[in-house]
């Protein structure tokens, strides 16, 4: 499947979000492959958002904002963890 085609199965509007499981059934694949299709499409510029209800294409900037905020929080959390491990490694190297 062309990864941009995944967007053909994703509705516009957060209230119409489609679950990963539903997409897997529609595409006759597993949830892991759906995640890969979504990731690839996002890397190609398709603005696929996700929330508790599933995947959707935003109708407005306001619909995309919660997704953006959640992703930024994930990044900040990951960076905090990376810094902690880096600090540990530095301390070990100084011994």
N, C-alpha and C. Protein backbone atom coordinates (compact mmCIF):
# COMPACT_ATOMS: atom_id res chain seq x y z
N UNK A 1 0.84 -1.18 0.00
CA UNK A 1 0.00 0.00 0.00
C UNK A 1 0.88 1.24 0.00
N UNK A 2 0.55 2.19 -0.83
CA UNK A 2 1.19 3.50 -0.79
C UNK A 2 0.80 4.14 0.53
N UNK A 3 1.79 4.59 1.28
CA UNK A 3 1.51 5.08 2.63
C UNK A 3 0.57 6.29 2.63
N UNK A 4 0.60 7.09 1.59
CA UNK A 4 -0.32 8.22 1.54
C UNK A 4 -1.76 7.74 1.41
N UNK A 5 -1.97 6.56 0.89
CA UNK A 5 -3.32 6.03 0.75
C UNK A 5 -3.98 5.74 2.09
N UNK A 6 -3.19 5.58 3.16
CA UNK A 6 -3.79 5.35 4.47
C UNK A 6 -4.74 6.49 4.81
N UNK A 7 -4.42 7.69 4.33
CA UNK A 7 -5.28 8.85 4.59
C UNK A 7 -6.66 8.68 3.98
N UNK A 8 -6.78 7.86 2.95
CA UNK A 8 -8.08 7.60 2.33
C UNK A 8 -9.04 6.91 3.29
N UNK A 9 -8.50 6.27 4.32
CA UNK A 9 -9.31 5.52 5.28
C UNK A 9 -9.48 6.25 6.61
N UNK A 10 -8.94 7.45 6.68
CA UNK A 10 -9.00 8.22 7.92
C UNK A 10 -9.93 9.41 7.71
N UNK A 11 -10.93 9.54 8.56
CA UNK A 11 -11.92 10.60 8.37
C UNK A 11 -11.40 11.97 8.80
N UNK A 12 -12.04 13.00 8.25
CA UNK A 12 -11.80 14.36 8.70
C UNK A 12 -12.67 14.63 9.92
N UNK A 13 -12.05 15.22 10.93
CA UNK A 13 -12.78 15.60 12.13
C UNK A 13 -12.56 14.64 13.28
N UNK A 14 -12.21 15.21 14.44
CA UNK A 14 -11.91 14.40 15.63
C UNK A 14 -13.11 13.57 16.06
N UNK A 15 -14.31 14.09 15.86
CA UNK A 15 -15.49 13.34 16.32
C UNK A 15 -15.76 12.10 15.46
N UNK A 16 -15.07 11.99 14.34
CA UNK A 16 -15.23 10.82 13.47
C UNK A 16 -13.99 9.92 13.48
N UNK A 17 -13.13 10.10 14.46
CA UNK A 17 -11.87 9.34 14.52
C UNK A 17 -12.11 7.85 14.39
N UNK A 18 -11.17 7.17 13.76
CA UNK A 18 -11.26 5.73 13.52
C UNK A 18 -10.15 5.04 14.32
N UNK A 19 -10.50 3.94 14.95
CA UNK A 19 -9.52 3.25 15.80
C UNK A 19 -8.50 2.48 14.96
N UNK A 20 -7.38 2.21 15.61
CA UNK A 20 -6.33 1.42 14.99
C UNK A 20 -6.85 0.03 14.63
N UNK A 21 -7.64 -0.54 15.51
CA UNK A 21 -8.21 -1.86 15.27
C UNK A 21 -9.12 -1.86 14.04
N UNK A 22 -9.95 -0.84 13.92
CA UNK A 22 -10.84 -0.74 12.76
C UNK A 22 -10.03 -0.60 11.47
N UNK A 23 -8.99 0.24 11.51
CA UNK A 23 -8.14 0.39 10.32
C UNK A 23 -7.48 -0.93 9.95
N UNK A 24 -7.02 -1.67 10.95
CA UNK A 24 -6.39 -2.97 10.68
C UNK A 24 -7.38 -3.91 10.00
N UNK A 25 -8.62 -3.90 10.46
CA UNK A 25 -9.64 -4.77 9.85
C UNK A 25 -9.94 -4.34 8.42
N UNK A 26 -10.10 -3.04 8.21
CA UNK A 26 -10.40 -2.52 6.87
C UNK A 26 -9.27 -2.85 5.90
N UNK A 27 -8.02 -2.71 6.37
CA UNK A 27 -6.85 -2.91 5.51
C UNK A 27 -6.37 -4.35 5.48
N UNK A 28 -7.06 -5.20 6.24
CA UNK A 28 -6.70 -6.62 6.31
C UNK A 28 -5.23 -6.80 6.72
N UNK A 29 -4.87 -6.15 7.82
CA UNK A 29 -3.51 -6.22 8.33
C UNK A 29 -3.57 -6.17 9.85
N UNK A 30 -2.41 -6.05 10.48
CA UNK A 30 -2.40 -5.97 11.95
C UNK A 30 -2.17 -4.53 12.40
N UNK A 31 -2.37 -4.31 13.70
CA UNK A 31 -2.26 -2.95 14.25
C UNK A 31 -0.84 -2.40 14.12
N UNK A 32 0.14 -3.26 14.22
CA UNK A 32 1.54 -2.81 14.07
C UNK A 32 1.75 -2.22 12.68
N UNK A 33 1.23 -2.89 11.66
CA UNK A 33 1.38 -2.38 10.29
C UNK A 33 0.64 -1.07 10.11
N UNK A 34 -0.52 -0.94 10.75
CA UNK A 34 -1.26 0.32 10.69
C UNK A 34 -0.41 1.45 11.27
N UNK A 35 0.23 1.20 12.42
CA UNK A 35 1.10 2.21 13.03
C UNK A 35 2.22 2.61 12.07
N UNK A 36 2.79 1.63 11.37
CA UNK A 36 3.85 1.92 10.40
C UNK A 36 3.33 2.76 9.24
N UNK A 37 2.15 2.42 8.73
CA UNK A 37 1.56 3.22 7.65
C UNK A 37 1.33 4.66 8.11
N UNK A 38 0.80 4.80 9.33
CA UNK A 38 0.53 6.13 9.88
C UNK A 38 1.83 6.92 10.01
N UNK A 39 2.84 6.30 10.58
CA UNK A 39 4.13 6.96 10.76
C UNK A 39 4.72 7.41 9.42
N UNK A 40 4.68 6.53 8.45
CA UNK A 40 5.24 6.86 7.13
C UNK A 40 4.46 8.01 6.49
N UNK A 41 3.15 7.96 6.60
CA UNK A 41 2.33 9.03 6.01
C UNK A 41 2.62 10.36 6.69
N UNK A 42 2.75 10.33 8.02
CA UNK A 42 3.07 11.57 8.75
C UNK A 42 4.42 12.11 8.30
N UNK A 43 5.39 11.24 8.11
CA UNK A 43 6.72 11.69 7.66
C UNK A 43 6.66 12.31 6.27
N UNK A 44 5.67 11.89 5.49
CA UNK A 44 5.50 12.44 4.14
C UNK A 44 4.62 13.69 4.13
N UNK A 45 4.21 14.13 5.33
CA UNK A 45 3.47 15.38 5.42
C UNK A 45 1.97 15.27 5.58
N UNK A 46 1.44 14.07 5.70
CA UNK A 46 0.00 13.91 5.91
C UNK A 46 -0.28 14.22 7.38
N UNK A 47 -1.14 15.19 7.67
CA UNK A 47 -1.34 15.63 9.05
C UNK A 47 -2.30 14.75 9.85
N UNK A 48 -1.95 13.50 10.01
CA UNK A 48 -2.81 12.56 10.74
C UNK A 48 -2.63 12.81 12.24
N UNK A 49 -3.73 13.12 12.89
CA UNK A 49 -3.73 13.33 14.33
C UNK A 49 -4.33 12.10 14.99
N UNK A 50 -4.10 11.98 16.30
CA UNK A 50 -4.71 10.88 17.04
C UNK A 50 -5.07 11.35 18.43
N UNK A 51 -6.05 10.67 18.98
CA UNK A 51 -6.51 10.95 20.33
C UNK A 51 -7.05 9.67 20.92
N UNK A 52 -7.77 9.78 22.01
CA UNK A 52 -8.31 8.60 22.68
C UNK A 52 -9.24 7.77 21.79
N UNK A 53 -9.89 8.42 20.85
CA UNK A 53 -10.86 7.73 20.01
C UNK A 53 -10.26 7.14 18.74
N UNK A 54 -9.03 7.55 18.39
CA UNK A 54 -8.40 7.01 17.20
C UNK A 54 -7.76 8.08 16.34
N UNK A 55 -7.64 7.77 15.07
CA UNK A 55 -6.96 8.63 14.11
C UNK A 55 -7.97 9.48 13.34
N UNK A 56 -7.53 10.71 13.00
CA UNK A 56 -8.38 11.60 12.22
C UNK A 56 -7.51 12.64 11.53
N UNK A 57 -8.05 13.25 10.51
CA UNK A 57 -7.42 14.38 9.85
C UNK A 57 -8.11 15.63 10.39
N UNK A 58 -7.35 16.60 10.83
CA UNK A 58 -7.98 17.77 11.47
C UNK A 58 -8.73 18.64 10.46
N UNK A 59 -9.91 19.08 10.90
CA UNK A 59 -10.68 20.01 10.09
C UNK A 59 -10.22 21.44 10.31
N UNK A 60 -9.71 21.70 11.51
CA UNK A 60 -9.29 23.05 11.88
C UNK A 60 -7.98 22.97 12.66
N UNK A 61 -7.27 24.08 12.76
CA UNK A 61 -6.07 24.10 13.62
C UNK A 61 -6.40 23.72 15.07
N UNK A 62 -7.56 24.12 15.55
CA UNK A 62 -7.96 23.81 16.93
C UNK A 62 -8.06 22.31 17.15
N UNK A 63 -8.45 21.55 16.13
CA UNK A 63 -8.51 20.10 16.27
C UNK A 63 -7.13 19.47 16.33
N UNK A 64 -6.16 20.08 15.69
CA UNK A 64 -4.80 19.55 15.68
C UNK A 64 -4.04 19.90 16.96
N UNK A 65 -4.42 20.96 17.62
CA UNK A 65 -3.67 21.45 18.77
C UNK A 65 -3.50 20.44 19.91
N UNK A 66 -4.54 19.72 20.34
CA UNK A 66 -4.33 18.74 21.41
C UNK A 66 -3.30 17.67 21.04
N UNK A 67 -3.30 17.25 19.79
CA UNK A 67 -2.31 16.26 19.33
C UNK A 67 -0.90 16.85 19.41
N UNK A 68 -0.74 18.07 18.95
CA UNK A 68 0.57 18.73 18.97
C UNK A 68 1.06 18.86 20.41
N UNK A 69 0.20 19.30 21.30
CA UNK A 69 0.58 19.46 22.71
C UNK A 69 1.00 18.12 23.31
N UNK A 70 0.22 17.07 23.04
CA UNK A 70 0.55 15.74 23.58
C UNK A 70 1.89 15.25 23.06
N UNK A 71 2.16 15.47 21.78
CA UNK A 71 3.43 15.02 21.21
C UNK A 71 4.60 15.79 21.80
N UNK A 72 4.43 17.08 22.00
CA UNK A 72 5.49 17.88 22.61
C UNK A 72 5.77 17.43 24.04
N UNK A 73 4.73 17.08 24.77
CA UNK A 73 4.92 16.56 26.13
C UNK A 73 5.69 15.25 26.11
N UNK A 74 5.38 14.39 25.17
CA UNK A 74 6.11 13.12 25.04
C UNK A 74 7.58 13.37 24.76
N UNK A 75 7.85 14.32 23.89
CA UNK A 75 9.24 14.66 23.55
C UNK A 75 9.97 15.17 24.79
N UNK A 76 9.34 16.06 25.53
CA UNK A 76 9.97 16.61 26.74
C UNK A 76 10.24 15.52 27.76
N UNK A 77 9.30 14.60 27.93
CA UNK A 77 9.49 13.49 28.86
C UNK A 77 10.65 12.62 28.40
N UNK A 78 10.69 12.31 27.13
CA UNK A 78 11.78 11.47 26.60
C UNK A 78 13.13 12.16 26.79
N UNK A 79 13.20 13.45 26.57
CA UNK A 79 14.45 14.18 26.76
C UNK A 79 14.88 14.18 28.22
N UNK A 80 13.94 14.27 29.13
CA UNK A 80 14.26 14.21 30.56
C UNK A 80 14.89 12.87 30.91
N UNK A 81 14.33 11.81 30.37
CA UNK A 81 14.87 10.47 30.62
C UNK A 81 16.26 10.33 30.01
N UNK A 82 16.43 10.81 28.80
CA UNK A 82 17.74 10.73 28.13
C UNK A 82 18.78 11.50 28.95
N UNK A 83 18.43 12.68 29.41
CA UNK A 83 19.38 13.47 30.21
C UNK A 83 19.78 12.74 31.49
N UNK A 84 18.82 12.08 32.12
CA UNK A 84 19.12 11.34 33.35
C UNK A 84 20.12 10.22 33.07
N UNK A 85 19.95 9.51 31.98
CA UNK A 85 20.88 8.43 31.63
C UNK A 85 22.24 9.01 31.26
N UNK A 86 22.24 10.11 30.52
CA UNK A 86 23.51 10.76 30.17
C UNK A 86 24.26 11.20 31.44
N UNK A 87 23.54 11.77 32.39
CA UNK A 87 24.17 12.18 33.65
C UNK A 87 24.76 10.99 34.38
N UNK A 88 24.03 9.90 34.40
CA UNK A 88 24.52 8.68 35.03
C UNK A 88 25.82 8.22 34.36
N UNK A 89 25.83 8.20 33.05
CA UNK A 89 27.02 7.76 32.32
C UNK A 89 28.22 8.68 32.60
N UNK A 90 27.96 9.98 32.68
CA UNK A 90 29.03 10.93 33.00
C UNK A 90 29.59 10.66 34.39
N UNK A 91 28.69 10.41 35.32
CA UNK A 91 29.14 10.10 36.70
C UNK A 91 29.96 8.83 36.73
N UNK A 92 29.56 7.85 35.99
CA UNK A 92 30.30 6.58 35.96
C UNK A 92 31.68 6.76 35.33
N UNK A 93 31.75 7.61 34.32
CA UNK A 93 33.03 7.85 33.65
C UNK A 93 34.01 8.60 34.55
N UNK A 94 33.48 9.38 35.49
CA UNK A 94 34.33 10.15 36.39
C UNK A 94 34.90 9.32 37.54
N UNK A 95 34.41 8.13 37.71
CA UNK A 95 34.88 7.28 38.81
C UNK A 95 36.21 6.67 38.53
